[in-house]
Amino acid sequence: MTRCEYRLVDVFTDKAFGGNPLAVFRDPGKLDVTTMQAIAKELHLSETTFVLPPTSAAADHRVRMFTPDAELPFAGHPTIGTAFVLADGKDGALRLEEGVGVIGVTLRDGFVQMEQPLPAFTGTTITRKAAAEALGLAIEEVRSDIPIQMGSSGVPFLFVPLANLKAVRRARRPGGLDASVYAFAMSGERSGSQVHGRMFDQGLGVGEDPATGAAQGPLGAYIVAHELVRAEPTTRIRVEQGFEIGRPSILDIEVDRTAAGITAVRVGGRCVPMGGGWLDL
């Protein structure tokens, strides 16, 4: 029997029991993929990560990340939280090898920021009426002036722009849509927040996610592309998520844009160490 230790950290929050919890196995040994997936299901957090030696010379560590039901090629709060655990409170930079490539992460004064792959967008056949019905809303509560779109920086999401904060609060977990849905409005509960969002997953075993870092790069690019905030060479956007499920989260996006288009997206936040534990395998 081997004892495998993990660290528990709340990500995208500066207060305990907020944000999105993450378990990080810093030294998982030679666990196979089946066991990693079983551990993620056992802990039943939205994600659990395992830190391995890199296969790329460009990376410091390799990170594999699992929801209770599936392995992901990339995810935001596992990237941020794993870097926070590996850094042990020190400022600096890390290069994490993930399924989408090597992700650069910087840590400074307790703030952790990652550079995401550039988002890609596609249209969708899902109409305002279908989206409204799936979310339990009136069609007027889904905006008609900007499109419903699929966006991805490694994991795809269906972005559904809603008319106001009240509509986001009233939204229910959608049925009948074959995509993870990110519903949002351009308003916030807290001072300084510009966006209030909710993410309902499809096929990941999560349900409603407290803080979806992988969605923030595409969300920021969408907001800048459709001029929902005043665009700057570097546009900064603060998003709040998880309020409806008692896990308030704050996610900060930076979007770089030139005349040729969006050139970089970065997503960051703070983390709170919560302790840890072990499994005997």
C-alpha atoms as a PDB file:
ATOM      1  CA  MET A   1       0.000   0.000   0.000  1.00  0.00           C
ATOM      2  CA  THR A   2       1.327   3.430  -1.003  1.00  0.00           C
ATOM      3  CA  ARG A   3       0.354   6.717   0.620  1.00  0.00           C
ATOM      4  CA  CYS A   4      -0.351   9.516  -1.906  1.00  0.00           C
ATOM      5  CA  GLU A   5      -0.563  12.975  -0.404  1.00  0.00           C
ATOM      6  CA  TYR A   6      -2.449  15.932  -1.852  1.00  0.00           C
ATOM      7  CA  ARG A   7      -2.820  19.630  -1.125  1.00  0.00           C
ATOM      8  CA  LEU A   8      -6.210  21.338  -1.123  1.00  0.00           C
ATOM      9  CA  VAL A   9      -6.487  24.929  -2.328  1.00  0.00           C
ATOM     10  CA  ASP A  10      -9.386  27.280  -3.095  1.00  0.00           C
ATOM     11  CA  VAL A  11      -8.765  29.054  -6.419  1.00  0.00           C
ATOM     12  CA  PHE A  12     -10.013  32.462  -7.644  1.00  0.00           C
ATOM     13  CA  THR A  13     -10.736  33.738  -4.151  1.00  0.00           C
ATOM     14  CA  ASP A  14      -9.004  35.514  -1.287  1.00  0.00           C
ATOM     15  CA  LYS A  15     -11.265  33.943   1.356  1.00  0.00           C
ATOM     16  CA  ALA A  16     -11.504  30.381   2.582  1.00  0.00           C
ATOM     17  CA  PHE A  17     -14.502  28.399   1.292  1.00  0.00           C
ATOM     18  CA  GLY A  18     -14.843  30.649  -1.738  1.00  0.00           C
ATOM     19  CA  GLY A  19     -13.666  30.087  -5.285  1.00  0.00           C
ATOM     20  CA  ASN A  20     -13.178  26.668  -6.818  1.00  0.00           C
ATOM     21  CA  PRO A  21     -11.556  23.936  -4.696  1.00  0.00           C
ATOM     22  CA  LEU A  22      -8.717  21.897  -6.181  1.00  0.00           C
ATOM     23  CA  ALA A  23      -6.744  18.857  -5.028  1.00  0.00           C
ATOM     24  CA  VAL A  24      -3.106  18.766  -6.189  1.00  0.00           C
ATOM     25  CA  PHE A  25      -1.015  15.592  -6.032  1.00  0.00           C
ATOM     26  CA  ARG A  26       2.539  16.945  -6.208  1.00  0.00           C
ATOM     27  CA  ASP A  27       4.232  13.538  -6.230  1.00  0.00           C
ATOM     28  CA  PRO A  28       1.786  10.894  -7.469  1.00  0.00           C
ATOM     29  CA  GLY A  29       4.492   8.374  -8.311  1.00  0.00           C
ATOM     30  CA  LYS A  30       3.558   5.936 -11.043  1.00  0.00           C
ATOM     31  CA  LEU A  31      -0.212   6.093 -10.797  1.00  0.00           C
ATOM     32  CA  ASP A  32      -1.887   4.971 -14.012  1.00  0.00           C
ATOM     33  CA  VAL A  33      -4.587   6.964 -15.761  1.00  0.00           C
ATOM     34  CA  THR A  34      -7.377   4.687 -14.538  1.00  0.00           C
ATOM     35  CA  THR A  35      -6.334   5.284 -10.920  1.00  0.00           C
ATOM     36  CA  MET A  36      -6.010   9.045 -11.460  1.00  0.00           C
ATOM     37  CA  GLN A  37      -9.554   9.126 -12.819  1.00  0.00           C
ATOM     38  CA  ALA A  38     -10.812   7.016  -9.918  1.00  0.00           C
ATOM     39  CA  ILE A  39      -9.158   9.409  -7.431  1.00  0.00           C
ATOM     40  CA  ALA A  40     -10.836  12.400  -9.098  1.00  0.00           C
ATOM     41  CA  LYS A  41     -14.193  10.664  -8.800  1.00  0.00           C
ATOM     42  CA  GLU A  42     -13.477   9.746  -5.179  1.00  0.00           C
ATOM     43  CA  LEU A  43     -12.601  13.332  -4.178  1.00  0.00           C
ATOM     44  CA  HIS A  44     -15.450  14.659  -6.355  1.00  0.00           C
ATOM     45  CA  LEU A  45     -14.067  18.147  -6.791  1.00  0.00           C
ATOM     46  CA  SER A  46     -14.568  19.884 -10.107  1.00  0.00           C
ATOM     47  CA  GLU A  47     -10.913  19.050 -10.881  1.00  0.00           C
ATOM     48  CA  THR A  48      -7.982  17.143  -9.395  1.00  0.00           C
ATOM     49  CA  THR A  49      -4.436  17.477 -10.761  1.00  0.00           C
ATOM     50  CA  PHE A  50      -1.364  15.239 -10.815  1.00  0.00           C
ATOM     51  CA  VAL A  51       2.126  16.736 -11.263  1.00  0.00           C
ATOM     52  CA  LEU A  52       4.521  14.636 -13.350  1.00  0.00           C
ATOM     53  CA  PRO A  53       7.953  15.067 -14.939  1.00  0.00           C
ATOM     54  CA  PRO A  54       7.680  17.018 -18.204  1.00  0.00           C
ATOM     55  CA  THR A  55       8.031  15.393 -21.615  1.00  0.00           C
ATOM     56  CA  SER A  56       8.833  18.798 -23.174  1.00  0.00           C
ATOM     57  CA  ALA A  57      12.143  20.553 -22.619  1.00  0.00           C
ATOM     58  CA  ALA A  58      10.181  23.821 -22.618  1.00  0.00           C
ATOM     59  CA  ALA A  59       8.281  22.897 -19.440  1.00  0.00           C
ATOM     60  CA  ASP A  60       9.121  22.676 -15.743  1.00  0.00           C
ATOM     61  CA  HIS A  61       6.347  20.207 -14.913  1.00  0.00           C
ATOM     62  CA  ARG A  62       3.673  18.180 -16.653  1.00  0.00           C
ATOM     63  CA  VAL A  63       0.147  18.468 -15.249  1.00  0.00           C
ATOM     64  CA  ARG A  64      -2.703  16.053 -15.880  1.00  0.00           C
ATOM     65  CA  MET A  65      -6.141  17.216 -14.787  1.00  0.00           C
ATOM     66  CA  PHE A  66      -9.335  15.288 -14.237  1.00  0.00           C
ATOM     67  CA  THR A  67     -12.952  16.106 -13.500  1.00  0.00           C
ATOM     68  CA  PRO A  68     -14.917  13.339 -11.750  1.00  0.00           C
ATOM     69  CA  ASP A  69     -15.808  11.929 -15.181  1.00  0.00           C
ATOM     70  CA  ALA A  70     -13.105  12.903 -17.690  1.00  0.00           C
ATOM     71  CA  GLU A  71      -9.539  14.055 -18.277  1.00  0.00           C
ATOM     72  CA  LEU A  72      -9.185  17.583 -19.677  1.00  0.00           C
ATOM     73  CA  PRO A  73      -6.503  18.894 -22.040  1.00  0.00           C
ATOM     74  CA  PHE A  74      -6.606  22.266 -20.310  1.00  0.00           C
ATOM     75  CA  ALA A  75      -8.465  23.999 -17.511  1.00  0.00           C
ATOM     76  CA  GLY A  76      -8.024  27.310 -15.773  1.00  0.00           C
ATOM     77  CA  HIS A  77      -8.441  26.855 -12.055  1.00  0.00           C
ATOM     78  CA  PRO A  78      -6.308  23.651 -12.056  1.00  0.00           C
ATOM     79  CA  THR A  79      -3.517  25.538 -13.847  1.00  0.00           C
ATOM     80  CA  ILE A  80      -3.677  28.479 -11.415  1.00  0.00           C
ATOM     81  CA  GLY A  81      -4.057  26.306  -8.312  1.00  0.00           C
ATOM     82  CA  THR A  82      -1.350  23.816  -9.270  1.00  0.00           C
ATOM     83  CA  ALA A  83       1.130  26.622  -9.942  1.00  0.00           C
ATOM     84  CA  PHE A  84       0.245  28.176  -6.574  1.00  0.00           C
ATOM     85  CA  VAL A  85       0.940  24.883  -4.779  1.00  0.00           C
ATOM     86  CA  LEU A  86       4.198  24.272  -6.662  1.00  0.00           C
ATOM     87  CA  ALA A  87       5.466  27.791  -5.946  1.00  0.00           C
ATOM     88  CA  ASP A  88       5.022  27.413  -2.166  1.00  0.00           C
ATOM     89  CA  GLY A  89       4.225  31.106  -1.804  1.00  0.00           C
ATOM     90  CA  LYS A  90       7.228  32.352  -3.770  1.00  0.00           C
ATOM     91  CA  ASP A  91       7.087  34.836  -6.633  1.00  0.00           C
ATOM     92  CA  GLY A  92       8.354  33.670  -9.988  1.00  0.00           C
ATOM     93  CA  ALA A  93       7.349  31.911 -13.194  1.00  0.00           C
ATOM     94  CA  LEU A  94       6.479  28.332 -14.093  1.00  0.00           C
ATOM     95  CA  ARG A  95       5.963  26.536 -17.382  1.00  0.00           C
ATOM     96  CA  LEU A  96       3.338  23.797 -17.161  1.00  0.00           C
ATOM     97  CA  GLU A  97       2.974  21.167 -19.854  1.00  0.00           C
ATOM     98  CA  GLU A  98      -0.710  20.412 -20.460  1.00  0.00           C
ATOM     99  CA  GLY A  99      -2.737  18.760 -23.192  1.00  0.00           C
ATOM    100  CA  VAL A 100      -2.864  21.986 -25.229  1.00  0.00           C
ATOM    101  CA  GLY A 101       0.873  22.672 -24.924  1.00  0.00           C
ATOM    102  CA  VAL A 102       3.072  24.569 -22.474  1.00  0.00           C
ATOM    103  CA  ILE A 103       1.246  27.203 -20.396  1.00  0.00           C
ATOM    104  CA  GLY A 104       3.238  30.043 -18.871  1.00  0.00           C
ATOM    105  CA  VAL A 105       2.231  31.065 -15.335  1.00  0.00           C
ATOM    106  CA  THR A 106       3.532  33.977 -13.267  1.00  0.00           C
ATOM    107  CA  LEU A 107       3.166  34.499  -9.518  1.00  0.00           C
ATOM    108  CA  ARG A 108       3.554  37.890  -7.876  1.00  0.00           C
ATOM    109  CA  ASP A 109       2.393  39.098  -4.450  1.00  0.00           C
ATOM    110  CA  GLY A 110      -0.118  36.261  -4.170  1.00  0.00           C
ATOM    111  CA  PHE A 111      -1.650  36.850  -7.604  1.00  0.00           C
ATOM    112  CA  VAL A 112      -1.332  33.987 -10.092  1.00  0.00           C
ATOM    113  CA  GLN A 113      -1.769  34.608 -13.822  1.00  0.00           C
ATOM    114  CA  MET A 114      -1.627  32.258 -16.803  1.00  0.00           C
ATOM    115  CA  GLU A 115      -1.367  32.953 -20.511  1.00  0.00           C
ATOM    116  CA  GLN A 116      -4.045  31.000 -22.341  1.00  0.00           C
ATOM    117  CA  PRO A 117      -4.002  29.689 -25.907  1.00  0.00           C
ATOM    118  CA  LEU A 118      -5.601  32.202 -28.264  1.00  0.00           C
ATOM    119  CA  PRO A 119      -9.369  31.575 -28.387  1.00  0.00           C
ATOM    120  CA  ALA A 120     -11.122  30.290 -31.491  1.00  0.00           C
ATOM    121  CA  PHE A 121     -14.800  30.905 -32.201  1.00  0.00           C
ATOM    122  CA  THR A 122     -17.421  29.216 -34.353  1.00  0.00           C
ATOM    123  CA  GLY A 123     -21.076  29.854 -34.978  1.00  0.00           C
ATOM    124  CA  THR A 124     -23.840  27.639 -33.715  1.00  0.00           C
ATOM    125  CA  THR A 125     -27.268  26.494 -34.850  1.00  0.00           C
ATOM    126  CA  ILE A 126     -28.631  27.072 -31.341  1.00  0.00           C
ATOM    127  CA  THR A 127     -31.178  29.891 -31.523  1.00  0.00           C
ATOM    128  CA  ARG A 128     -32.099  32.483 -28.900  1.00  0.00           C
ATOM    129  CA  LYS A 129     -35.376  30.629 -28.414  1.00  0.00           C
ATOM    130  CA  ALA A 130     -33.650  27.281 -27.854  1.00  0.00           C
ATOM    131  CA  ALA A 131     -31.095  28.802 -25.471  1.00  0.00           C
ATOM    132  CA  ALA A 132     -33.806  30.626 -23.517  1.00  0.00           C
ATOM    133  CA  GLU A 133     -35.929  27.506 -23.182  1.00  0.00           C
ATOM    134  CA  ALA A 134     -32.960  25.406 -22.103  1.00  0.00           C
ATOM    135  CA  LEU A 135     -32.045  27.958 -19.406  1.00  0.00           C
ATOM    136  CA  GLY A 136     -35.654  28.407 -18.259  1.00  0.00           C
ATOM    137  CA  LEU A 137     -35.777  32.035 -19.395  1.00  0.00           C
ATOM    138  CA  ALA A 138     -37.942  34.191 -21.650  1.00  0.00           C
ATOM    139  CA  ILE A 139     -36.536  34.774 -25.123  1.00  0.00           C
ATOM    140  CA  GLU A 140     -36.284  38.515 -24.331  1.00  0.00           C
ATOM    141  CA  GLU A 141     -33.748  37.659 -21.607  1.00  0.00           C
ATOM    142  CA  VAL A 142     -31.249  36.420 -24.226  1.00  0.00           C
ATOM    143  CA  ARG A 143     -29.613  39.344 -26.005  1.00  0.00           C
ATOM    144  CA  SER A 144     -30.353  39.741 -29.709  1.00  0.00           C
ATOM    145  CA  ASP A 145     -27.701  42.369 -30.517  1.00  0.00           C
ATOM    146  CA  ILE A 146     -24.719  40.015 -30.110  1.00  0.00           C
ATOM    147  CA  PRO A 147     -24.439  36.360 -31.147  1.00  0.00           C
ATOM    148  CA  ILE A 148     -24.548  33.093 -29.259  1.00  0.00           C
ATOM    149  CA  GLN A 149     -21.168  31.540 -30.078  1.00  0.00           C
ATOM    150  CA  MET A 150     -18.947  28.565 -29.355  1.00  0.00           C
ATOM    151  CA  GLY A 151     -15.541  29.626 -28.071  1.00  0.00           C
ATOM    152  CA  SER A 152     -12.527  27.622 -26.946  1.00  0.00           C
ATOM    153  CA  SER A 153      -8.980  27.987 -25.657  1.00  0.00           C
ATOM    154  CA  GLY A 154      -8.748  24.199 -25.405  1.00  0.00           C
ATOM    155  CA  VAL A 155     -12.143  23.351 -23.912  1.00  0.00           C
ATOM    156  CA  PRO A 156     -15.275  24.500 -25.809  1.00  0.00           C
ATOM    157  CA  PHE A 157     -18.083  26.536 -24.232  1.00  0.00           C
ATOM    158  CA  LEU A 158     -21.335  27.898 -25.603  1.00  0.00           C
ATOM    159  CA  PHE A 159     -21.422  31.594 -24.680  1.00  0.00           C
ATOM    160  CA  VAL A 160     -24.953  32.889 -24.136  1.00  0.00           C
ATOM    161  CA  PRO A 161     -25.207  36.659 -23.462  1.00  0.00           C
ATOM    162  CA  LEU A 162     -28.123  37.520 -21.178  1.00  0.00           C
ATOM    163  CA  ALA A 163     -29.904  40.826 -20.766  1.00  0.00           C
ATOM    164  CA  ASN A 164     -29.182  41.488 -17.090  1.00  0.00           C
ATOM    165  CA  LEU A 165     -27.994  40.148 -13.756  1.00  0.00           C
ATOM    166  CA  LYS A 166     -31.496  39.022 -12.813  1.00  0.00           C
ATOM    167  CA  ALA A 167     -31.630  36.706 -15.828  1.00  0.00           C
ATOM    168  CA  VAL A 168     -28.286  35.132 -14.930  1.00  0.00           C
ATOM    169  CA  ARG A 169     -29.479  34.505 -11.380  1.00  0.00           C
ATOM    170  CA  ARG A 170     -32.702  32.898 -12.619  1.00  0.00           C
ATOM    171  CA  ALA A 171     -31.031  30.612 -15.167  1.00  0.00           C
ATOM    172  CA  ARG A 172     -31.329  26.899 -14.521  1.00  0.00           C
ATOM    173  CA  ARG A 173     -29.030  24.090 -15.599  1.00  0.00           C
ATOM    174  CA  PRO A 174     -29.878  23.603 -19.267  1.00  0.00           C
ATOM    175  CA  GLY A 175     -31.172  20.413 -20.758  1.00  0.00           C
ATOM    176  CA  GLY A 176     -31.123  19.445 -24.402  1.00  0.00           C
ATOM    177  CA  LEU A 177     -27.905  21.301 -25.299  1.00  0.00           C
ATOM    178  CA  ASP A 178     -24.846  19.241 -26.244  1.00  0.00           C
ATOM    179  CA  ALA A 179     -22.363  21.783 -24.907  1.00  0.00           C
ATOM    180  CA  SER A 180     -21.125  23.281 -21.668  1.00  0.00           C
ATOM    181  CA  VAL A 181     -22.932  26.614 -21.358  1.00  0.00           C
ATOM    182  CA  TYR A 182     -21.455  29.878 -20.086  1.00  0.00           C
ATOM    183  CA  ALA A 183     -24.295  32.337 -19.466  1.00  0.00           C
ATOM    184  CA  PHE A 184     -23.314  35.876 -18.527  1.00  0.00           C
ATOM    185  CA  ALA A 185     -24.452  39.486 -18.242  1.00  0.00           C
ATOM    186  CA  MET A 186     -22.487  42.718 -18.356  1.00  0.00           C
ATOM    187  CA  SER A 187     -23.069  43.684 -14.719  1.00  0.00           C
ATOM    188  CA  GLY A 188     -21.913  42.555 -11.308  1.00  0.00           C
ATOM    189  CA  GLU A 189     -22.904  42.225  -7.677  1.00  0.00           C
ATOM    190  CA  ARG A 190     -19.583  43.477  -6.343  1.00  0.00           C
ATOM    191  CA  SER A 191     -17.919  46.796  -6.914  1.00  0.00           C
ATOM    192  CA  GLY A 192     -15.323  46.490  -9.647  1.00  0.00           C
ATOM    193  CA  SER A 193     -16.944  43.504 -11.378  1.00  0.00           C
ATOM    194  CA  GLN A 194     -18.011  44.050 -14.984  1.00  0.00           C
ATOM    195  CA  VAL A 195     -19.398  40.589 -15.712  1.00  0.00           C
ATOM    196  CA  HIS A 196     -21.519  38.088 -13.783  1.00  0.00           C
ATOM    197  CA  GLY A 197     -21.346  34.552 -15.156  1.00  0.00           C
ATOM    198  CA  ARG A 198     -22.443  30.975 -14.567  1.00  0.00           C
ATOM    199  CA  MET A 199     -21.106  27.802 -16.190  1.00  0.00           C
ATOM    200  CA  PHE A 200     -23.195  24.652 -16.550  1.00  0.00           C
ATOM    201  CA  ASP A 201     -21.120  21.690 -17.706  1.00  0.00           C
ATOM    202  CA  GLN A 202     -22.004  18.947 -20.153  1.00  0.00           C
ATOM    203  CA  GLY A 203     -20.481  15.500 -19.648  1.00  0.00           C
ATOM    204  CA  LEU A 204     -17.805  16.458 -17.120  1.00  0.00           C
ATOM    205  CA  GLY A 205     -19.537  15.413 -13.911  1.00  0.00           C
ATOM    206  CA  VAL A 206     -19.323  18.907 -12.413  1.00  0.00           C
ATOM    207  CA  GLY A 207     -22.850  20.368 -12.674  1.00  0.00           C
ATOM    208  CA  GLU A 208     -22.465  24.096 -12.066  1.00  0.00           C
ATOM    209  CA  ASP A 209     -18.848  25.203 -11.792  1.00  0.00           C
ATOM    210  CA  PRO A 210     -17.841  27.790  -9.162  1.00  0.00           C
ATOM    211  CA  ALA A 211     -15.069  29.346 -11.298  1.00  0.00           C
ATOM    212  CA  THR A 212     -14.243  28.383 -14.872  1.00  0.00           C
ATOM    213  CA  GLY A 213     -10.803  29.698 -15.759  1.00  0.00           C
ATOM    214  CA  ALA A 214     -10.714  27.988 -19.168  1.00  0.00           C
ATOM    215  CA  ALA A 215     -13.798  29.951 -20.218  1.00  0.00           C
ATOM    216  CA  GLN A 216     -12.372  33.341 -19.310  1.00  0.00           C
ATOM    217  CA  GLY A 217      -9.954  33.734 -22.229  1.00  0.00           C
ATOM    218  CA  PRO A 218     -12.699  33.174 -24.816  1.00  0.00           C
ATOM    219  CA  LEU A 219     -15.116  35.267 -22.739  1.00  0.00           C
ATOM    220  CA  GLY A 220     -12.682  38.187 -22.611  1.00  0.00           C
ATOM    221  CA  ALA A 221     -11.991  37.923 -26.336  1.00  0.00           C
ATOM    222  CA  TYR A 222     -15.748  37.817 -27.036  1.00  0.00           C
ATOM    223  CA  ILE A 223     -16.365  40.900 -24.890  1.00  0.00           C
ATOM    224  CA  VAL A 224     -13.566  42.857 -26.578  1.00  0.00           C
ATOM    225  CA  ALA A 225     -14.507  41.736 -30.102  1.00  0.00           C
ATOM    226  CA  HIS A 226     -18.129  42.830 -29.601  1.00  0.00           C
ATOM    227  CA  GLU A 227     -17.087  46.059 -27.845  1.00  0.00           C
ATOM    228  CA  LEU A 228     -19.038  45.363 -24.667  1.00  0.00           C
ATOM    229  CA  VAL A 229     -16.389  47.308 -22.755  1.00  0.00           C
ATOM    230  CA  ARG A 230     -14.105  50.087 -23.926  1.00  0.00           C
ATOM    231  CA  ALA A 231     -11.237  48.388 -25.683  1.00  0.00           C
ATOM    232  CA  GLU A 232      -7.649  49.342 -24.895  1.00  0.00           C
ATOM    233  CA  PRO A 233      -4.345  47.927 -26.152  1.00  0.00           C
ATOM    234  CA  THR A 234      -4.654  45.799 -23.005  1.00  0.00           C
ATOM    235  CA  THR A 235      -8.253  45.542 -21.821  1.00  0.00           C
ATOM    236  CA  ARG A 236      -8.816  44.389 -18.239  1.00  0.00           C
ATOM    237  CA  ILE A 237     -12.079  42.715 -17.296  1.00  0.00           C
ATOM    238  CA  ARG A 238     -13.162  41.427 -13.895  1.00  0.00           C
ATOM    239  CA  VAL A 239     -15.642  38.542 -13.799  1.00  0.00           C
ATOM    240  CA  GLU A 240     -17.575  37.160 -10.865  1.00  0.00           C
ATOM    241  CA  GLN A 241     -18.907  33.598 -10.829  1.00  0.00           C
ATOM    242  CA  GLY A 242     -20.147  30.971  -8.359  1.00  0.00           C
ATOM    243  CA  PHE A 243     -22.325  33.327  -6.311  1.00  0.00           C
ATOM    244  CA  GLU A 244     -25.493  31.311  -6.891  1.00  0.00           C
ATOM    245  CA  ILE A 245     -23.934  28.154  -5.426  1.00  0.00           C
ATOM    246  CA  GLY A 246     -22.271  29.756  -2.415  1.00  0.00           C
ATOM    247  CA  ARG A 247     -18.714  29.780  -3.830  1.00  0.00           C
ATOM    248  CA  PRO A 248     -18.110  33.422  -4.809  1.00  0.00           C
ATOM    249  CA  SER A 249     -15.188  33.688  -7.212  1.00  0.00           C
ATOM    250  CA  ILE A 250     -13.327  36.594  -8.810  1.00  0.00           C
ATOM    251  CA  LEU A 251     -11.487  36.082 -12.114  1.00  0.00           C
ATOM    252  CA  ASP A 252      -9.357  38.747 -13.808  1.00  0.00           C
ATOM    253  CA  ILE A 253      -8.887  38.764 -17.588  1.00  0.00           C
ATOM    254  CA  GLU A 254      -6.414  40.709 -19.718  1.00  0.00           C
ATOM    255  CA  VAL A 255      -6.875  40.872 -23.491  1.00  0.00           C
ATOM    256  CA  ASP A 256      -4.167  42.317 -25.755  1.00  0.00           C
ATOM    257  CA  ARG A 257      -5.359  43.649 -29.106  1.00  0.00           C
ATOM    258  CA  THR A 258      -3.764  45.368 -32.080  1.00  0.00           C
ATOM    259  CA  ALA A 259      -5.309  46.545 -35.338  1.00  0.00           C
ATOM    260  CA  ALA A 260      -4.780  43.019 -36.659  1.00  0.00           C
ATOM    261  CA  GLY A 261      -6.836  41.450 -33.870  1.00  0.00           C
ATOM    262  CA  ILE A 262      -6.435  39.833 -30.466  1.00  0.00           C
ATOM    263  CA  THR A 263      -2.843  38.806 -29.803  1.00  0.00           C
ATOM    264  CA  ALA A 264      -2.918  37.401 -26.248  1.00  0.00           C
ATOM    265  CA  VAL A 265      -5.274  36.549 -23.390  1.00  0.00           C
ATOM    266  CA  ARG A 266      -4.304  36.110 -19.763  1.00  0.00           C
ATOM    267  CA  VAL A 267      -6.404  34.980 -16.805  1.00  0.00           C
ATOM    268  CA  GLY A 268      -5.533  35.288 -13.147  1.00  0.00           C
ATOM    269  CA  GLY A 269      -6.719  35.291  -9.575  1.00  0.00           C
ATOM    270  CA  ARG A 270      -5.813  34.608  -5.990  1.00  0.00           C
ATOM    271  CA  CYS A 271      -5.703  31.348  -4.053  1.00  0.00           C
ATOM    272  CA  VAL A 272      -6.225  30.272  -0.451  1.00  0.00           C
ATOM    273  CA  PRO A 273      -4.420  27.174   0.916  1.00  0.00           C
ATOM    274  CA  MET A 274      -6.921  24.952   2.743  1.00  0.00           C
ATOM    275  CA  GLY A 275      -4.802  22.033   3.975  1.00  0.00           C
ATOM    276  CA  GLY A 276      -4.556  18.591   2.480  1.00  0.00           C
ATOM    277  CA  GLY A 277      -4.741  14.880   3.040  1.00  0.00           C
ATOM    278  CA  TRP A 278      -3.715  11.499   1.686  1.00  0.00           C
ATOM    279  CA  LEU A 279      -5.040   8.369   0.087  1.00  0.00           C
ATOM    280  CA  ASP A 280      -3.716   4.865   0.789  1.00  0.00           C
ATOM    281  CA  LEU A 281      -3.630   2.982  -2.500  1.00  0.00           C
END
